[in-house]
Amino acid sequence: MKKWMQIFGPLVMILLAIIPFMVLYEGISMNIPSLPDFEAPDWFIPVGFVNIALIVLVSLLIGWSANKE
């Protein structure tokens, strides 16, 4: 399981970071006119917090699997 977590764990963390990044990008795109406009749906904010919690959980699982051996 250690090898599996070291390969897919960071990939899952990157995929989970997409929605929180899009929430941040909405505010940035409104203030910088050279960026394309983006309006995030209202449900992105609570889902972004859930994704951040899942990123922390995956990182703890990766650390736990590395220390297990």
PDB file of N, CA and C in Angstrom:
ATOM      1  N   MET A   1       0.828  -1.190   0.000  1.00  0.00           N
ATOM      2  CA  MET A   1       0.000   0.000   0.000  1.00  0.00           C
ATOM      3  C   MET A   1       0.873   1.255   0.000  1.00  0.00           C
ATOM      4  N   LYS A   2       2.088   1.140   0.521  1.00  0.00           N
ATOM      5  CA  LYS A   2       2.966   2.302   0.594  1.00  0.00           C
ATOM      6  C   LYS A   2       3.263   2.842  -0.802  1.00  0.00           C
ATOM      7  N   LYS A   3       3.603   1.964  -1.736  1.00  0.00           N
ATOM      8  CA  LYS A   3       3.932   2.394  -3.091  1.00  0.00           C
ATOM      9  C   LYS A   3       2.714   3.011  -3.770  1.00  0.00           C
ATOM     10  N   TRP A   4       1.543   2.424  -3.559  1.00  0.00           N
ATOM     11  CA  TRP A   4       0.300   2.932  -4.159  1.00  0.00           C
ATOM     12  C   TRP A   4      -0.014   4.326  -3.648  1.00  0.00           C
ATOM     13  N   MET A   5       0.136   4.540  -2.345  1.00  0.00           N
ATOM     14  CA  MET A   5      -0.157   5.853  -1.762  1.00  0.00           C
ATOM     15  C   MET A   5       0.855   6.903  -2.216  1.00  0.00           C
ATOM     16  N   GLN A   6       2.098   6.513  -2.415  1.00  0.00           N
ATOM     17  CA  GLN A   6       3.103   7.476  -2.852  1.00  0.00           C
ATOM     18  C   GLN A   6       2.888   7.891  -4.301  1.00  0.00           C
ATOM     19  N   ILE A   7       2.262   7.050  -5.104  1.00  0.00           N
ATOM     20  CA  ILE A   7       2.020   7.378  -6.507  1.00  0.00           C
ATOM     21  C   ILE A   7       0.713   8.144  -6.670  1.00  0.00           C
ATOM     22  N   PHE A   8      -0.371   7.626  -6.124  1.00  0.00           N
ATOM     23  CA  PHE A   8      -1.685   8.200  -6.361  1.00  0.00           C
ATOM     24  C   PHE A   8      -2.082   9.274  -5.344  1.00  0.00           C
ATOM     25  N   GLY A   9      -1.455   9.308  -4.197  1.00  0.00           N
ATOM     26  CA  GLY A   9      -1.782  10.309  -3.188  1.00  0.00           C
ATOM     27  C   GLY A   9      -1.561  11.735  -3.667  1.00  0.00           C
ATOM     28  N   PRO A  10      -0.363  12.057  -4.176  1.00  0.00           N
ATOM     29  CA  PRO A  10      -0.154  13.420  -4.687  1.00  0.00           C
ATOM     30  C   PRO A  10      -1.063  13.763  -5.874  1.00  0.00           C
ATOM     31  N   LEU A  11      -1.361  12.793  -6.708  1.00  0.00           N
ATOM     32  CA  LEU A  11      -2.271  13.028  -7.832  1.00  0.00           C
ATOM     33  C   LEU A  11      -3.671  13.375  -7.335  1.00  0.00           C
ATOM     34  N   VAL A  12      -4.141  12.662  -6.332  1.00  0.00           N
ATOM     35  CA  VAL A  12      -5.456  12.947  -5.749  1.00  0.00           C
ATOM     36  C   VAL A  12      -5.450  14.328  -5.096  1.00  0.00           C
ATOM     37  N   MET A  13      -4.355  14.685  -4.432  1.00  0.00           N
ATOM     38  CA  MET A  13      -4.269  15.998  -3.792  1.00  0.00           C
ATOM     39  C   MET A  13      -4.319  17.121  -4.826  1.00  0.00           C
ATOM     40  N   ILE A  14      -3.652  16.940  -5.956  1.00  0.00           N
ATOM     41  CA  ILE A  14      -3.693  17.952  -7.017  1.00  0.00           C
ATOM     42  C   ILE A  14      -5.102  18.070  -7.582  1.00  0.00           C
ATOM     43  N   LEU A  15      -5.771  16.950  -7.800  1.00  0.00           N
ATOM     44  CA  LEU A  15      -7.139  16.994  -8.323  1.00  0.00           C
ATOM     45  C   LEU A  15      -8.102  17.640  -7.327  1.00  0.00           C
ATOM     46  N   LEU A  16      -7.903  17.400  -6.038  1.00  0.00           N
ATOM     47  CA  LEU A  16      -8.761  18.016  -5.031  1.00  0.00           C
ATOM     48  C   LEU A  16      -8.514  19.516  -4.899  1.00  0.00           C
ATOM     49  N   ALA A  17      -7.358  19.991  -5.326  1.00  0.00           N
ATOM     50  CA  ALA A  17      -7.029  21.413  -5.204  1.00  0.00           C
ATOM     51  C   ALA A  17      -7.636  22.257  -6.319  1.00  0.00           C
ATOM     52  N   ILE A  18      -8.266  21.648  -7.306  1.00  0.00           N
ATOM     53  CA  ILE A  18      -8.792  22.413  -8.443  1.00  0.00           C
ATOM     54  C   ILE A  18      -9.922  23.348  -8.016  1.00  0.00           C
ATOM     55  N   ILE A  19     -10.892  22.866  -7.258  1.00  0.00           N
ATOM     56  CA  ILE A  19     -12.037  23.707  -6.887  1.00  0.00           C
ATOM     57  C   ILE A  19     -11.617  24.846  -5.951  1.00  0.00           C
ATOM     58  N   PRO A  20     -10.799  24.610  -4.915  1.00  0.00           N
ATOM     59  CA  PRO A  20     -10.362  25.772  -4.117  1.00  0.00           C
ATOM     60  C   PRO A  20      -9.589  26.796  -4.950  1.00  0.00           C
ATOM     61  N   PHE A  21      -8.809  26.338  -5.911  1.00  0.00           N
ATOM     62  CA  PHE A  21      -8.099  27.268  -6.784  1.00  0.00           C
ATOM     63  C   PHE A  21      -9.079  28.083  -7.626  1.00  0.00           C
ATOM     64  N   MET A  22     -10.135  27.446  -8.106  1.00  0.00           N
ATOM     65  CA  MET A  22     -11.119  28.175  -8.916  1.00  0.00           C
ATOM     66  C   MET A  22     -11.850  29.230  -8.092  1.00  0.00           C
ATOM     67  N   VAL A  23     -12.081  28.957  -6.814  1.00  0.00           N
ATOM     68  CA  VAL A  23     -12.705  29.960  -5.939  1.00  0.00           C
ATOM     69  C   VAL A  23     -11.771  31.160  -5.792  1.00  0.00           C
ATOM     70  N   LEU A  24     -10.487  30.918  -5.610  1.00  0.00           N
ATOM     71  CA  LEU A  24      -9.529  32.012  -5.518  1.00  0.00           C
ATOM     72  C   LEU A  24      -9.382  32.744  -6.850  1.00  0.00           C
ATOM     73  N   TYR A  25      -9.434  32.004  -7.944  1.00  0.00           N
ATOM     74  CA  TYR A  25      -9.275  32.603  -9.268  1.00  0.00           C
ATOM     75  C   TYR A  25     -10.422  33.552  -9.593  1.00  0.00           C
ATOM     76  N   GLU A  26     -11.609  33.290  -9.053  1.00  0.00           N
ATOM     77  CA  GLU A  26     -12.739  34.182  -9.300  1.00  0.00           C
ATOM     78  C   GLU A  26     -12.428  35.600  -8.831  1.00  0.00           C
ATOM     79  N   GLY A  27     -11.913  35.741  -7.633  1.00  0.00           N
ATOM     80  CA  GLY A  27     -11.569  37.064  -7.109  1.00  0.00           C
ATOM     81  C   GLY A  27     -10.411  37.704  -7.852  1.00  0.00           C
ATOM     82  N   ILE A  28      -9.442  36.891  -8.224  1.00  0.00           N
ATOM     83  CA  ILE A  28      -8.291  37.416  -8.955  1.00  0.00           C
ATOM     84  C   ILE A  28      -8.705  37.888 -10.342  1.00  0.00           C
ATOM     85  N   SER A  29      -9.573  37.118 -11.010  1.00  0.00           N
ATOM     86  CA  SER A  29      -9.972  37.479 -12.373  1.00  0.00           C
ATOM     87  C   SER A  29     -10.820  38.748 -12.409  1.00  0.00           C
ATOM     88  N   MET A  30     -11.496  39.057 -11.312  1.00  0.00           N
ATOM     89  CA  MET A  30     -12.270  40.300 -11.269  1.00  0.00           C
ATOM     90  C   MET A  30     -11.369  41.525 -11.138  1.00  0.00           C
ATOM     91  N   ASN A  31     -10.209  41.376 -10.488  1.00  0.00           N
ATOM     92  CA  ASN A  31      -9.330  42.508 -10.231  1.00  0.00           C
ATOM     93  C   ASN A  31      -8.265  42.718 -11.301  1.00  0.00           C
ATOM     94  N   ILE A  32      -7.938  41.695 -12.058  1.00  0.00           N
ATOM     95  CA  ILE A  32      -6.913  41.814 -13.098  1.00  0.00           C
ATOM     96  C   ILE A  32      -7.611  41.701 -14.455  1.00  0.00           C
ATOM     97  N   PRO A  33      -7.690  42.789 -15.194  1.00  0.00           N
ATOM     98  CA  PRO A  33      -8.467  42.782 -16.435  1.00  0.00           C
ATOM     99  C   PRO A  33      -7.884  41.905 -17.538  1.00  0.00           C
ATOM    100  N   SER A  34      -6.603  41.564 -17.490  1.00  0.00           N
ATOM    101  CA  SER A  34      -6.018  40.750 -18.553  1.00  0.00           C
ATOM    102  C   SER A  34      -6.386  39.273 -18.437  1.00  0.00           C
ATOM    103  N   LEU A  35      -6.908  38.854 -17.277  1.00  0.00           N
ATOM    104  CA  LEU A  35      -7.328  37.464 -17.098  1.00  0.00           C
ATOM    105  C   LEU A  35      -8.774  37.287 -17.552  1.00  0.00           C
ATOM    106  N   PRO A  36      -9.102  36.107 -18.067  1.00  0.00           N
ATOM    107  CA  PRO A  36     -10.493  35.857 -18.442  1.00  0.00           C
ATOM    108  C   PRO A  36     -11.405  35.879 -17.224  1.00  0.00           C
ATOM    109  N   ASP A  37     -12.613  36.414 -17.406  1.00  0.00           N
ATOM    110  CA  ASP A  37     -13.588  36.470 -16.319  1.00  0.00           C
ATOM    111  C   ASP A  37     -14.083  35.073 -15.978  1.00  0.00           C
ATOM    112  N   PHE A  38     -14.215  34.807 -14.691  1.00  0.00           N
ATOM    113  CA  PHE A  38     -14.734  33.529 -14.229  1.00  0.00           C
ATOM    114  C   PHE A  38     -15.641  33.793 -13.046  1.00  0.00           C
ATOM    115  N   GLU A  39     -16.816  33.208 -13.080  1.00  0.00           N
ATOM    116  CA  GLU A  39     -17.745  33.329 -11.959  1.00  0.00           C
ATOM    117  C   GLU A  39     -18.011  31.927 -11.412  1.00  0.00           C
ATOM    118  N   ALA A  40     -17.517  31.678 -10.217  1.00  0.00           N
ATOM    119  CA  ALA A  40     -17.672  30.369  -9.597  1.00  0.00           C
ATOM    120  C   ALA A  40     -19.101  30.209  -9.083  1.00  0.00           C
ATOM    121  N   PRO A  41     -19.674  29.017  -9.252  1.00  0.00           N
ATOM    122  CA  PRO A  41     -20.997  28.779  -8.668  1.00  0.00           C
ATOM    123  C   PRO A  41     -20.944  28.878  -7.145  1.00  0.00           C
ATOM    124  N   ASP A  42     -22.083  29.106  -6.536  1.00  0.00           N
ATOM    125  CA  ASP A  42     -22.140  29.268  -5.082  1.00  0.00           C
ATOM    126  C   ASP A  42     -21.707  28.007  -4.330  1.00  0.00           C
ATOM    127  N   TRP A  43     -21.913  26.849  -4.913  1.00  0.00           N
ATOM    128  CA  TRP A  43     -21.579  25.611  -4.209  1.00  0.00           C
ATOM    129  C   TRP A  43     -20.079  25.338  -4.198  1.00  0.00           C
ATOM    130  N   PHE A  44     -19.279  26.100  -4.941  1.00  0.00           N
ATOM    131  CA  PHE A  44     -17.827  25.895  -4.949  1.00  0.00           C
ATOM    132  C   PHE A  44     -17.198  26.196  -3.594  1.00  0.00           C
ATOM    133  N   ILE A  45     -17.721  27.159  -2.856  1.00  0.00           N
ATOM    134  CA  ILE A  45     -17.090  27.562  -1.593  1.00  0.00           C
ATOM    135  C   ILE A  45     -17.172  26.451  -0.540  1.00  0.00           C
ATOM    136  N   PRO A  46     -18.365  25.884  -0.242  1.00  0.00           N
ATOM    137  CA  PRO A  46     -18.364  24.796   0.755  1.00  0.00           C
ATOM    138  C   PRO A  46     -17.643  23.551   0.264  1.00  0.00           C
ATOM    139  N   VAL A  47     -17.750  23.261  -1.021  1.00  0.00           N
ATOM    140  CA  VAL A  47     -17.045  22.092  -1.562  1.00  0.00           C
ATOM    141  C   VAL A  47     -15.535  22.323  -1.510  1.00  0.00           C
ATOM    142  N   GLY A  48     -15.104  23.569  -1.680  1.00  0.00           N
ATOM    143  CA  GLY A  48     -13.682  23.884  -1.572  1.00  0.00           C
ATOM    144  C   GLY A  48     -13.139  23.608  -0.178  1.00  0.00           C
ATOM    145  N   PHE A  49     -13.926  23.948   0.855  1.00  0.00           N
ATOM    146  CA  PHE A  49     -13.494  23.643   2.228  1.00  0.00           C
ATOM    147  C   PHE A  49     -13.436  22.134   2.468  1.00  0.00           C
ATOM    148  N   VAL A  50     -14.380  21.407   1.926  1.00  0.00           N
ATOM    149  CA  VAL A  50     -14.363  19.943   2.050  1.00  0.00           C
ATOM    150  C   VAL A  50     -13.129  19.383   1.342  1.00  0.00           C
ATOM    151  N   ASN A  51     -12.825  19.923   0.163  1.00  0.00           N
ATOM    152  CA  ASN A  51     -11.655  19.448  -0.567  1.00  0.00           C
ATOM    153  C   ASN A  51     -10.362  19.736   0.192  1.00  0.00           C
ATOM    154  N   ILE A  52     -10.285  20.876   0.852  1.00  0.00           N
ATOM    155  CA  ILE A  52      -9.094  21.182   1.645  1.00  0.00           C
ATOM    156  C   ILE A  52      -8.958  20.196   2.798  1.00  0.00           C
ATOM    157  N   ALA A  53     -10.067  19.851   3.433  1.00  0.00           N
ATOM    158  CA  ALA A  53     -10.030  18.850   4.510  1.00  0.00           C
ATOM    159  C   ALA A  53      -9.603  17.492   3.961  1.00  0.00           C
ATOM    160  N   LEU A  54     -10.061  17.140   2.768  1.00  0.00           N
ATOM    161  CA  LEU A  54      -9.664  15.868   2.156  1.00  0.00           C
ATOM    162  C   LEU A  54      -8.186  15.867   1.769  1.00  0.00           C
ATOM    163  N   ILE A  55      -7.664  17.014   1.344  1.00  0.00           N
ATOM    164  CA  ILE A  55      -6.229  17.107   1.048  1.00  0.00           C
ATOM    165  C   ILE A  55      -5.412  16.853   2.310  1.00  0.00           C
ATOM    166  N   VAL A  56      -5.841  17.426   3.424  1.00  0.00           N
ATOM    167  CA  VAL A  56      -5.150  17.190   4.698  1.00  0.00           C
ATOM    168  C   VAL A  56      -5.231  15.715   5.075  1.00  0.00           C
ATOM    169  N   LEU A  57      -6.387  15.100   4.897  1.00  0.00           N
ATOM    170  CA  LEU A  57      -6.553  13.682   5.209  1.00  0.00           C
ATOM    171  C   LEU A  57      -5.653  12.807   4.336  1.00  0.00           C
ATOM    172  N   VAL A  58      -5.594  13.088   3.049  1.00  0.00           N
ATOM    173  CA  VAL A  58      -4.739  12.302   2.151  1.00  0.00           C
ATOM    174  C   VAL A  58      -3.274  12.483   2.528  1.00  0.00           C
ATOM    175  N   SER A  59      -2.875  13.701   2.884  1.00  0.00           N
ATOM    176  CA  SER A  59      -1.478  13.902   3.277  1.00  0.00           C
ATOM    177  C   SER A  59      -1.148  13.144   4.567  1.00  0.00           C
ATOM    178  N   LEU A  60      -2.093  13.103   5.499  1.00  0.00           N
ATOM    179  CA  LEU A  60      -1.874  12.318   6.715  1.00  0.00           C
ATOM    180  C   LEU A  60      -1.796  10.829   6.407  1.00  0.00           C
ATOM    181  N   LEU A  61      -2.610  10.352   5.482  1.00  0.00           N
ATOM    182  CA  LEU A  61      -2.552   8.943   5.091  1.00  0.00           C
ATOM    183  C   LEU A  61      -1.228   8.602   4.413  1.00  0.00           C
ATOM    184  N   ILE A  62      -0.723   9.517   3.599  1.00  0.00           N
ATOM    185  CA  ILE A  62       0.579   9.290   2.965  1.00  0.00           C
ATOM    186  C   ILE A  62       1.673   9.220   4.027  1.00  0.00           C
ATOM    187  N   GLY A  63       1.642  10.129   4.979  1.00  0.00           N
ATOM    188  CA  GLY A  63       2.628  10.112   6.065  1.00  0.00           C
ATOM    189  C   GLY A  63       2.511   8.873   6.935  1.00  0.00           C
ATOM    190  N   TRP A  64       1.280   8.458   7.189  1.00  0.00           N
ATOM    191  CA  TRP A  64       1.061   7.266   8.011  1.00  0.00           C
ATOM    192  C   TRP A  64       1.569   6.021   7.294  1.00  0.00           C
ATOM    193  N   SER A  65       1.314   5.926   5.974  1.00  0.00           N
ATOM    194  CA  SER A  65       1.769   4.746   5.234  1.00  0.00           C
ATOM    195  C   SER A  65       3.285   4.742   5.096  1.00  0.00           C
ATOM    196  N   ALA A  66       3.922   5.915   5.063  1.00  0.00           N
ATOM    197  CA  ALA A  66       5.377   5.964   4.974  1.00  0.00           C
ATOM    198  C   ALA A  66       6.021   5.554   6.295  1.00  0.00           C
ATOM    199  N   ASN A  67       5.389   5.878   7.419  1.00  0.00           N
ATOM    200  CA  ASN A  67       5.951   5.529   8.727  1.00  0.00           C
ATOM    201  C   ASN A  67       5.597   4.122   9.161  1.00  0.00           C
ATOM    202  N   LYS A  68       4.679   3.477   8.450  1.00  0.00           N
ATOM    203  CA  LYS A  68       4.222   2.147   8.847  1.00  0.00           C
ATOM    204  C   LYS A  68       5.323   1.108   8.704  1.00  0.00           C
ATOM    205  N   GLU A  69       6.174   1.257   7.717  1.00  0.00           N
ATOM    206  CA  GLU A  69       7.219   0.257   7.511  1.00  0.00           C
ATOM    207  C   GLU A  69       8.472   0.552   8.249  1.00  0.00           C
TER     208      GLU A  69
END
